Protein backbone atom coordinates (compact mmCIF):
# COMPACT_ATOMS: atom_id res chain seq x y z
CA MET A 1 95.68 -1.88 101.45
CA LEU A 2 93.65 1.26 100.74
CA GLY A 3 92.46 1.30 104.37
CA VAL A 4 96.05 1.19 105.59
CA LEU A 5 97.01 4.13 103.34
CA VAL A 6 94.05 6.19 104.54
CA ALA A 7 94.90 5.43 108.17
CA LEU A 8 98.53 6.39 107.53
CA LEU A 9 97.48 9.65 105.88
CA VAL A 10 95.20 10.50 108.81
CA CYS A 11 98.04 9.78 111.25
CA LEU A 12 100.45 12.00 109.31
CA LEU A 13 97.90 14.84 109.23
CA MET A 14 97.33 14.50 112.96
CA ILE A 15 101.09 14.54 113.64
CA HIS A 16 101.47 17.63 111.44
CA PHE A 17 98.55 19.31 113.21
CA LEU A 18 99.95 18.54 116.69
CA ARG A 19 103.44 19.74 115.69
CA GLN A 20 101.87 22.95 114.40
CA LEU A 21 100.04 23.49 117.69
CA TRP A 22 103.26 22.88 119.64
CA SER A 23 105.33 25.23 117.49
CA HIS A 24 102.73 27.98 118.03
CA LYS A 25 102.28 27.50 121.76
CA SER A 26 103.82 30.91 122.49
CA TYR A 27 101.41 32.65 120.08
CA PRO A 28 98.31 34.43 121.43
CA PRO A 29 95.26 32.19 121.90
CA GLY A 30 92.50 32.21 119.31
CA PRO A 31 90.11 30.15 117.17
CA LEU A 32 91.31 26.72 116.03
CA ARG A 33 93.40 26.99 112.88
CA LEU A 34 91.96 24.74 110.18
CA PRO A 35 93.64 23.78 106.89
CA ILE A 36 93.29 26.37 104.10
CA ILE A 37 90.75 28.64 105.86
CA GLY A 38 92.68 29.10 109.14
CA GLY A 39 90.47 30.71 111.78
CA THR A 40 88.13 32.52 109.38
CA TRP A 41 85.39 30.03 110.28
CA ARG A 42 85.07 31.94 113.57
CA LEU A 43 84.69 35.27 111.80
CA GLY A 44 81.91 34.20 109.46
CA ILE A 45 81.36 35.58 105.98
CA LYS A 46 81.24 39.15 107.27
CA LEU A 47 83.06 40.48 110.30
CA TYR A 48 80.16 42.04 112.20
CA LYS A 49 81.08 44.52 114.87
CA ASP A 50 80.18 42.27 117.82
CA THR A 51 82.27 39.34 116.52
CA VAL A 52 85.57 40.82 117.68
CA LEU A 53 84.06 41.70 121.07
CA LYS A 54 82.86 38.14 121.59
CA MET A 55 86.23 36.75 120.53
CA SER A 56 88.12 39.03 122.93
CA GLU A 57 85.80 37.97 125.76
CA GLN A 58 86.63 34.34 124.97
CA TYR A 59 90.36 34.53 124.19
CA GLY A 60 91.54 37.78 125.80
CA ASN A 61 92.60 41.24 124.63
CA ILE A 62 95.40 39.86 122.45
CA LEU A 63 94.24 37.00 120.23
CA MET A 64 95.30 35.37 116.99
CA ALA A 65 92.84 34.57 114.21
CA TRP A 66 94.57 32.96 111.24
CA LEU A 67 93.46 34.32 107.86
CA GLY A 68 94.26 31.20 105.88
CA PRO A 69 98.04 30.82 106.27
CA ILE A 70 98.56 34.38 107.56
CA PRO A 71 98.61 35.08 111.32
CA ALA A 72 96.37 38.01 112.27
CA VAL A 73 96.62 39.46 115.78
CA ILE A 74 93.59 41.37 117.08
CA ILE A 75 94.38 43.82 119.89
CA SER A 76 91.48 45.01 122.03
CA GLY A 77 91.01 47.31 125.02
CA TYR A 78 92.79 50.55 125.92
CA GLU A 79 95.86 49.07 127.63
CA ALA A 80 96.62 46.47 124.94
CA VAL A 81 96.03 48.91 122.06
CA ILE A 82 98.31 51.52 123.63
CA GLU A 83 100.98 48.85 124.18
CA GLY A 84 100.74 47.82 120.54
CA LEU A 85 100.32 51.15 118.73
CA ILE A 86 102.41 53.42 120.98
CA ASN A 87 105.05 51.30 122.71
CA HIS A 88 105.57 49.15 119.61
CA SER A 89 104.83 51.89 117.07
CA GLU A 90 107.94 51.29 114.94
CA ASP A 91 107.53 47.49 115.11
CA PHE A 92 103.99 47.74 113.75
CA ASP A 93 104.35 50.62 111.29
CA GLU A 94 103.94 48.60 108.07
CA ARG A 95 100.75 47.93 106.15
CA PRO A 96 99.90 44.39 104.98
CA VAL A 97 100.21 44.12 101.19
CA THR A 98 97.23 41.93 100.44
CA PRO A 99 96.36 40.85 96.86
CA PHE A 100 93.66 43.52 96.52
CA VAL A 101 95.86 46.24 98.01
CA LYS A 102 98.68 45.29 95.63
CA ALA A 103 96.33 45.40 92.63
CA ALA A 104 94.78 48.68 93.74
CA VAL A 105 97.75 50.66 95.06
CA ASN A 106 100.95 48.88 93.97
CA GLY A 107 102.99 50.41 96.80
CA HIS A 108 102.18 54.03 95.99
CA GLY A 109 100.77 56.86 98.11
CA ILE A 110 100.58 57.20 101.88
CA VAL A 111 97.90 54.95 103.39
CA PHE A 112 99.06 51.57 102.03
CA SER A 113 102.73 52.17 101.18
CA ASN A 114 105.64 50.92 103.27
CA GLY A 115 109.30 51.54 104.00
CA HIS A 116 111.11 54.53 102.50
CA THR A 117 108.18 55.44 100.24
CA TRP A 118 105.75 55.65 103.17
CA LYS A 119 108.14 57.61 105.39
CA GLN A 120 108.88 60.17 102.68
CA GLN A 121 105.30 60.54 101.46
CA ARG A 122 103.85 60.80 104.98
CA LYS A 123 106.45 63.37 106.07
CA PHE A 124 105.58 65.42 103.00
CA GLY A 125 101.85 65.07 103.72
CA VAL A 126 102.18 66.23 107.34
CA THR A 127 104.41 69.18 106.38
CA THR A 128 102.16 70.23 103.49
CA MET A 129 99.01 70.16 105.60
CA ARG A 130 100.69 72.61 107.95
CA LYS A 131 101.82 74.84 105.07
CA LEU A 132 98.31 74.88 103.66
CA GLY A 133 97.18 76.43 106.90
CA LEU A 134 95.49 73.47 108.58
CA GLY A 135 94.32 74.79 111.92
CA LYS A 136 94.89 78.34 110.68
CA LYS A 137 92.65 80.89 109.01
CA GLY A 138 93.34 79.89 105.39
CA MET A 139 91.96 76.38 105.53
CA GLU A 140 89.35 77.26 108.15
CA LEU A 141 87.84 79.93 105.89
CA GLN A 142 87.34 77.40 103.08
CA ILE A 143 85.62 74.98 105.46
CA GLU A 144 83.41 77.77 106.84
CA GLU A 145 82.31 78.64 103.31
CA GLU A 146 81.48 75.01 102.58
CA ALA A 147 79.56 74.77 105.87
CA GLN A 148 77.48 77.79 104.84
CA GLN A 149 76.78 76.16 101.47
CA LEU A 150 75.45 73.13 103.37
CA VAL A 151 73.30 75.35 105.61
CA GLU A 152 71.76 76.90 102.48
CA THR A 153 71.11 73.46 101.01
CA PHE A 154 69.34 72.35 104.21
CA ALA A 155 67.30 75.58 104.26
CA ARG A 156 65.85 74.79 100.83
CA ALA A 157 64.02 71.82 102.39
CA LYS A 158 61.91 74.41 104.29
CA GLY A 159 61.65 72.24 107.40
CA GLN A 160 60.16 69.26 105.53
CA PRO A 161 61.57 65.70 105.92
CA PHE A 162 64.59 65.09 103.68
CA ASP A 163 67.61 62.79 103.37
CA ALA A 164 70.82 64.79 103.90
CA THR A 165 73.24 62.02 102.85
CA MET A 166 74.28 63.36 99.44
CA ALA A 167 74.38 67.00 100.55
CA ILE A 168 76.75 66.15 103.42
CA SER A 169 78.99 63.96 101.25
CA ASN A 170 79.19 66.61 98.52
CA SER A 171 80.25 69.31 101.01
CA ILE A 172 82.92 67.15 102.67
CA CYS A 173 84.26 66.04 99.29
CA ASN A 174 84.52 69.67 98.17
CA VAL A 175 86.67 70.44 101.23
CA ILE A 176 89.12 67.76 100.04
CA CYS A 177 88.91 69.24 96.53
CA ALA A 178 89.99 72.60 97.97
CA VAL A 179 92.91 70.95 99.80
CA ALA A 180 94.09 68.88 96.84
CA PHE A 181 93.19 71.02 93.81
CA GLY A 182 92.71 74.52 95.21
CA HIS A 183 89.10 74.78 94.03
CA ARG A 184 85.66 73.29 94.58
CA PHE A 185 83.30 71.75 92.03
CA PRO A 186 79.64 72.54 91.37
CA VAL A 187 77.68 69.53 92.59
CA GLN A 188 76.17 69.17 89.07
CA ASP A 189 79.65 68.80 87.49
CA ARG A 190 79.94 65.44 85.69
CA GLU A 191 83.49 64.82 86.87
CA PHE A 192 82.50 65.58 90.45
CA ILE A 193 79.50 63.22 90.23
CA LYS A 194 81.76 60.42 88.97
CA LEU A 195 84.18 61.17 91.78
CA MET A 196 81.41 60.83 94.37
CA GLU A 197 80.19 57.60 92.76
CA ALA A 198 83.70 56.14 92.96
CA ILE A 199 84.11 57.03 96.64
CA GLU A 200 80.71 55.57 97.54
CA TYR A 201 81.26 52.34 95.59
CA LEU A 202 84.76 51.76 96.95
CA SER A 203 83.62 52.26 100.54
CA LYS A 204 80.90 49.65 100.04
CA CYS A 205 83.10 47.17 98.18
CA ILE A 206 85.82 46.92 100.84
CA GLY A 207 84.67 44.24 103.24
CA SER A 208 82.17 42.70 100.81
CA VAL A 209 82.09 38.99 99.95
CA SER A 210 83.63 39.71 96.52
CA TYR A 211 86.48 41.62 98.17
CA LEU A 212 87.16 38.84 100.70
CA LEU A 213 87.16 36.20 97.96
CA TYR A 214 89.68 38.29 96.00
CA GLU A 215 91.96 38.41 99.05
CA LEU A 216 91.73 34.63 99.57
CA PHE A 217 91.75 33.47 95.92
CA PRO A 218 93.25 36.27 93.78
CA TRP A 219 94.41 33.93 91.00
CA ILE A 220 90.76 32.97 90.44
CA MET A 221 89.00 36.27 91.14
CA GLU A 222 91.23 38.35 88.86
CA ARG A 223 89.86 36.24 85.98
CA LEU A 224 86.22 36.58 87.01
CA PRO A 225 83.85 39.55 86.63
CA GLY A 226 82.20 41.05 89.70
CA PRO A 227 82.17 44.00 92.12
CA HIS A 228 85.93 43.63 92.72
CA LYS A 229 86.60 44.34 89.05
CA LYS A 230 84.28 47.35 89.11
CA ALA A 231 86.05 48.66 92.21
CA LEU A 232 89.47 48.40 90.54
CA ALA A 233 88.06 50.14 87.45
CA TYR A 234 86.74 52.98 89.65
CA LEU A 235 90.18 53.31 91.22
CA GLU A 236 91.76 53.61 87.78
CA ASP A 237 89.20 56.28 86.82
CA PHE A 238 90.02 58.07 90.07
CA LEU A 239 93.73 58.02 89.26
CA SER A 240 93.01 59.36 85.76
CA PHE A 241 90.98 62.18 87.29
CA ALA A 242 93.90 63.01 89.61
CA ARG A 243 96.40 62.92 86.73
CA LYS A 244 94.22 65.33 84.72
CA GLU A 245 94.30 67.80 87.63
CA ILE A 246 98.09 67.34 87.89
CA GLU A 247 98.48 68.17 84.18
CA ASN A 248 96.34 71.29 84.59
CA HIS A 249 98.53 72.42 87.48
CA LYS A 250 101.70 71.83 85.45
CA LYS A 251 100.37 74.08 82.69
CA CYS A 252 99.52 76.88 85.12
CA ALA A 253 102.75 77.40 87.04
CA VAL A 254 102.43 79.58 90.16
CA HIS A 255 105.03 81.48 92.16
CA GLU A 256 103.54 80.44 95.49
CA PRO A 257 102.05 76.94 95.93
CA GLN A 258 98.32 77.13 96.69
CA ASP A 259 97.27 73.49 97.18
CA PHE A 260 98.56 69.94 97.68
CA ILE A 261 99.40 69.39 94.01
CA ASP A 262 101.33 72.69 93.79
CA PHE A 263 103.45 71.78 96.81
CA TYR A 264 104.09 68.26 95.49
CA LEU A 265 105.16 69.44 92.02
CA PHE A 266 107.50 71.92 93.70
CA GLN A 267 108.95 69.08 95.80
CA MET A 268 109.40 66.90 92.68
CA LYS A 269 111.39 69.68 91.00
CA LYS A 270 113.44 70.23 94.14
CA SER A 271 114.29 66.51 94.46
CA LYS A 272 114.86 65.63 90.79
CA ASN A 273 118.58 64.91 91.36
CA ASP A 274 118.01 62.86 94.51
CA ARG A 275 118.35 59.15 93.71
CA ASN A 276 116.42 58.22 96.86
CA SER A 277 113.49 60.47 96.06
CA THR A 278 110.05 58.84 95.81
CA TYR A 279 108.44 62.07 94.63
CA ASN A 280 106.86 61.24 91.29
CA GLU A 281 103.50 61.57 89.58
CA ASP A 282 102.43 58.00 90.39
CA ASN A 283 102.83 58.67 94.10
CA LEU A 284 101.21 62.09 93.77
CA ALA A 285 98.14 60.65 92.02
CA GLN A 286 97.79 57.93 94.68
CA CYS A 287 98.24 60.47 97.50
CA ILE A 288 95.30 62.42 96.06
CA VAL A 289 93.15 59.27 95.93
CA ASP A 290 94.18 58.50 99.52
CA LEU A 291 93.10 61.98 100.64
CA PHE A 292 89.67 61.59 99.09
CA ILE A 293 88.91 58.03 100.18
CA ALA A 294 90.23 58.48 103.72
CA GLY A 295 88.87 62.00 104.18
CA THR A 296 85.41 62.03 102.60
CA GLU A 297 83.46 58.98 103.77
CA THR A 298 84.73 59.01 107.37
CA THR A 299 83.86 62.65 108.08
CA ALA A 300 80.54 62.45 106.19
CA LEU A 301 79.51 59.38 108.19
CA THR A 302 80.37 61.15 111.45
CA LEU A 303 78.11 64.08 110.54
CA ARG A 304 75.28 61.79 109.48
CA TRP A 305 75.46 60.02 112.85
CA ALA A 306 75.68 63.41 114.57
CA LEU A 307 72.38 64.66 113.11
CA LEU A 308 70.70 61.32 113.83
CA PHE A 309 71.72 61.50 117.50
CA MET A 310 70.58 65.12 117.80
CA ALA A 311 67.15 64.22 116.42
CA ASN A 312 66.93 61.23 118.79
CA HIS A 313 68.15 63.26 121.81
CA PRO A 314 66.28 66.61 121.71
CA ASP A 315 67.27 67.30 125.33
CA ILE A 316 70.97 67.19 124.43
CA GLN A 317 70.35 69.24 121.28
CA GLU A 318 68.57 71.88 123.35
CA LYS A 319 71.56 72.14 125.71
CA VAL A 320 73.81 72.72 122.68
CA HIS A 321 71.47 75.45 121.42
CA LYS A 322 71.35 77.11 124.82
CA GLU A 323 75.13 77.13 125.18
CA MET A 324 75.50 78.70 121.74
CA GLU A 325 72.97 81.41 122.61
CA ASP A 326 74.54 82.13 126.00
CA VAL A 327 78.14 82.24 124.79
CA LEU A 328 77.99 83.62 121.25
CA GLY A 329 74.72 85.52 121.19
CA SER A 330 73.61 86.62 117.72
CA SER A 331 76.80 85.55 115.92
CA GLN A 332 75.79 83.79 112.71
CA ILE A 333 79.03 81.98 111.80
CA PHE A 334 81.19 79.87 114.07
CA HIS A 335 84.97 79.68 113.92
CA TYR A 336 87.04 76.73 115.05
CA GLN A 337 88.50 78.68 117.97
CA ASP A 338 84.94 79.10 119.32
CA GLY A 339 85.13 75.47 120.39
CA LYS A 340 87.13 76.54 123.45
CA LYS A 341 84.16 78.67 124.57
CA LEU A 342 81.65 75.84 124.01
CA PRO A 343 82.62 72.98 126.35
CA TYR A 344 79.26 71.20 126.16
CA THR A 345 79.07 71.41 122.34
CA ASN A 346 82.65 70.14 122.14
CA ALA A 347 81.78 67.30 124.51
CA VAL A 348 78.79 66.31 122.37
CA ILE A 349 80.94 66.19 119.22
CA HIS A 350 83.54 64.00 120.95
CA GLU A 351 80.84 61.73 122.38
CA ILE A 352 79.37 61.19 118.90
CA GLN A 353 82.78 59.99 117.69
CA ARG A 354 83.27 57.83 120.77
CA PHE A 355 79.82 56.27 120.90
CA GLN A 356 79.61 55.47 117.18
CA TYR A 357 83.05 54.73 115.77
CA ILE A 358 82.61 54.81 112.01
CA LEU A 359 85.04 52.01 111.07
CA LEU A 360 84.64 48.33 111.85
CA VAL A 361 88.18 48.19 113.28
CA GLY A 362 91.31 50.31 112.87
CA ILE A 363 93.14 50.00 109.54
CA PRO A 364 95.36 46.88 109.83
CA ARG A 365 99.11 47.10 110.26
CA GLN A 366 101.85 44.51 109.92
CA SER A 367 104.71 43.48 112.17
CA SER A 368 108.07 44.38 110.64
CA LYS A 369 109.92 41.95 112.94
CA ASP A 370 109.39 39.33 115.65
CA VAL A 371 107.90 41.04 118.70
CA ASN A 372 107.05 40.10 122.28
CA LEU A 373 103.72 41.75 123.07
CA CYS A 374 102.47 41.40 126.64
CA GLY A 375 104.12 37.98 126.94
CA PHE A 376 102.96 36.66 123.56
CA PHE A 377 105.17 35.99 120.54
CA ILE A 378 104.11 37.98 117.44
CA PRO A 379 105.97 36.73 114.33
CA LYS A 380 107.34 39.01 111.64
CA GLY A 381 104.75 39.53 108.91
CA ALA A 382 101.75 39.06 111.20
CA ILE A 383 98.79 41.33 110.45
CA ILE A 384 98.00 43.59 113.42
CA VAL A 385 94.35 44.60 113.78
CA PRO A 386 93.79 47.35 116.40
CA ASP A 387 90.20 47.18 117.64
CA LEU A 388 89.74 50.91 118.25
CA ARG A 389 86.03 50.42 118.89
CA SER A 390 86.90 48.40 122.00
CA VAL A 391 88.98 51.32 123.30
CA LEU A 392 86.10 53.74 122.81
CA LEU A 393 83.79 51.34 124.67
CA ASP A 394 86.28 50.12 127.30
CA PRO A 395 84.37 49.96 130.64
CA LYS A 396 87.63 50.67 132.49
CA GLN A 397 87.92 54.03 130.71
CA TRP A 398 84.32 55.25 130.37
CA GLU A 399 81.69 55.58 133.08
CA THR A 400 78.75 54.52 130.88
CA PRO A 401 80.37 53.14 127.70
CA GLU A 402 77.14 51.78 126.17
CA GLU A 403 75.22 55.04 126.64
CA PHE A 404 75.34 58.27 124.63
CA ASN A 405 76.64 60.52 127.39
CA PRO A 406 78.46 63.84 126.68
CA ASN A 407 79.46 63.99 130.36
CA HIS A 408 82.27 61.58 129.49
CA PHE A 409 84.14 64.70 128.31
CA LEU A 410 83.16 67.12 131.08
CA ASP A 411 84.50 67.57 134.61
CA LYS A 412 82.30 68.31 137.63
CA ASP A 413 82.44 72.04 136.83
CA GLY A 414 81.31 71.56 133.23
CA ASN A 415 84.74 72.16 131.68
CA PHE A 416 85.75 70.14 128.62
CA VAL A 417 88.25 67.35 129.35
CA GLU A 418 90.43 65.53 126.82
CA ARG A 419 90.47 61.76 127.38
CA GLU A 420 93.51 59.58 126.62
CA ALA A 421 91.22 56.73 125.56
CA PHE A 422 89.65 58.91 122.84
CA LEU A 423 91.38 57.30 119.84
CA PRO A 424 89.01 57.40 116.83
CA PHE A 425 91.94 58.54 114.65
CA GLY A 426 94.31 55.80 115.83
CA ALA A 427 97.68 56.28 117.48
CA GLY A 428 101.40 55.89 116.85
CA GLY A 429 103.28 56.35 113.60
CA ARG A 430 100.25 55.50 111.46
CA VAL A 431 97.83 57.87 113.20
CA CYS A 432 95.39 59.40 110.70
CA LEU A 433 97.17 62.05 108.61
CA GLY A 434 93.97 64.07 108.30
CA GLU A 435 93.08 64.09 112.01
CA GLN A 436 93.33 67.85 112.43
CA LEU A 437 91.46 68.52 109.18
CA ALA A 438 88.67 66.16 110.31
CA ARG A 439 88.44 67.82 113.74
CA VAL A 440 88.07 71.27 112.16
CA GLU A 441 85.51 70.03 109.63
CA ILE A 442 83.35 68.18 112.13
CA PHE A 443 83.21 71.11 114.54
CA LEU A 444 82.50 73.78 111.92
CA PHE A 445 79.85 71.77 110.06
CA PHE A 446 78.15 70.59 113.24
CA ALA A 447 78.22 73.99 115.01
CA ASN A 448 76.98 75.95 112.01
CA LEU A 449 74.18 73.46 111.31
CA LEU A 450 73.06 73.44 114.95
CA ARG A 451 73.24 77.23 115.00
CA ALA A 452 70.89 77.46 112.03
CA PHE A 453 68.44 74.59 112.66
CA THR A 454 66.62 72.46 115.17
CA PHE A 455 66.70 68.86 113.92
CA GLN A 456 63.41 67.09 114.51
CA LEU A 457 61.94 63.68 113.73
CA PRO A 458 59.40 63.53 110.87
CA GLU A 459 55.77 63.42 111.95
CA GLY A 460 54.78 59.95 113.19
CA VAL A 461 58.41 58.82 113.75
CA LYS A 462 59.21 58.15 117.41
CA GLU A 463 62.93 57.44 116.97
CA LEU A 464 65.44 57.02 114.13
CA ASN A 465 66.92 53.54 113.75
CA THR A 466 70.44 53.36 115.25
CA ASP A 467 71.11 49.80 114.07
CA PRO A 468 74.00 50.37 111.61
CA ILE A 469 74.83 49.02 108.19
CA VAL A 470 78.17 47.28 108.73
CA GLY A 471 80.84 46.91 106.06
CA ALA A 472 84.37 48.26 106.20
CA SER A 473 82.66 51.33 107.65
CA VAL A 474 79.69 51.57 110.00
CA ALA A 475 76.96 53.67 108.41
CA PRO A 476 73.52 54.72 109.66
CA ARG A 477 70.56 53.29 107.81
CA PRO A 478 68.95 55.79 105.40
CA TYR A 479 66.81 58.25 107.31
CA LYS A 480 64.95 61.52 106.88
CA LEU A 481 64.75 64.39 109.35
CA CYS A 482 63.41 67.91 109.49
CA ALA A 483 65.83 70.85 109.64
CA VAL A 484 63.57 73.51 111.17
CA PRO A 485 65.09 77.03 110.92
CA ARG A 486 65.72 78.60 114.31
CA SER A 487 64.16 82.03 114.80
CA SER A 488 67.34 83.41 116.42
CA SER A 489 69.37 82.69 113.27
CA SER A 490 66.83 83.78 110.67
């Protein structure tokens, strides 16, 4: 009797499995969906950067990998990503509200909010960045000052091997402080140190085993100690820090807004009688956290990779130095507009961002309705994962995608050329809010550092390791280099 029941159960499971396959026949192809775990068996414990590439080679540029019961569509290659993020921008403009995201953000801010809240907060963010002078002299002057602070920090090493990680992160974080709070912090400040610790820990936690377990089994993990609990505690500390700055701004009313908080408080006052307004202190505090987390680690990682590549490619570094000498002569400080006069330097900066994309994949989105994408059915609620790395390495778009080659951004006459497939900041309605800020920062920090120093390998080191540490972001392994002062800038 027991044998008959087992056989019947197996038959019912097989029928259910076959019906499921039939009902999903119009979905994109992908790894076999297993009970409970879906297609995560194919991803492994950690989603290493070559996993998605291998999957796209096997299943195509649009594939479905079930995350337990949730369909996740991975879009790879320039054409498919453009189709998804540009042509279906409004269809894929939501963020997935996963258990960790819900616990961490609760629908507030810009990066992980949706619907009316997201539209209103993002519109405010874009407008405010313009008002603050992004791309104009006001903001540029603050970044130039921070770049000079970093040059002075490097100079104190006196050409000896040193690790620039913390110095770079501190400078980039202080740029965000100037944007959000209107002032910078001394690097010895206790609050600033805690802020940096929070950013570093959160960037490492996202994508960790503890984080993934929380997403799969939140009802268990929220009762257990571990890195996920520490990350949520850091986020709460971060929000408290932001609220303290908000209170300080409220006490010191100004006639003309000077920073992000000033503009937001003004907008709250202006909209206090609007029932549909989402302008409140909870959203303001989360917007500040969003600015720091999205704007510090990404830009700092780009600069760390930049210096590593310059040390590993002295021939390319020498060409940058020569162009600076030929075009700008004895000028000690670079301005953002100088980038137009420095096509090779500009090409090198773009190639650094293309060759070493600093995220594992683009930040996931979610389908707000049923969509037909390139002949495949994408159900409402599906997670959309744009593989931006595949666009930056697409062999149909780049002559030598696997090589570090600044000529990707130069024409035959040596003029700088923008490339449509250059999408490190994403595309569509969810394109990175801080793209212009990041572009200004990366150019000014890179140009001023290269103007002041020649970056060399420590004695006995033939080449710095380019094998990355992969988590949610893609970081270089710890390294030391020598910032040797250049005689022309002394």
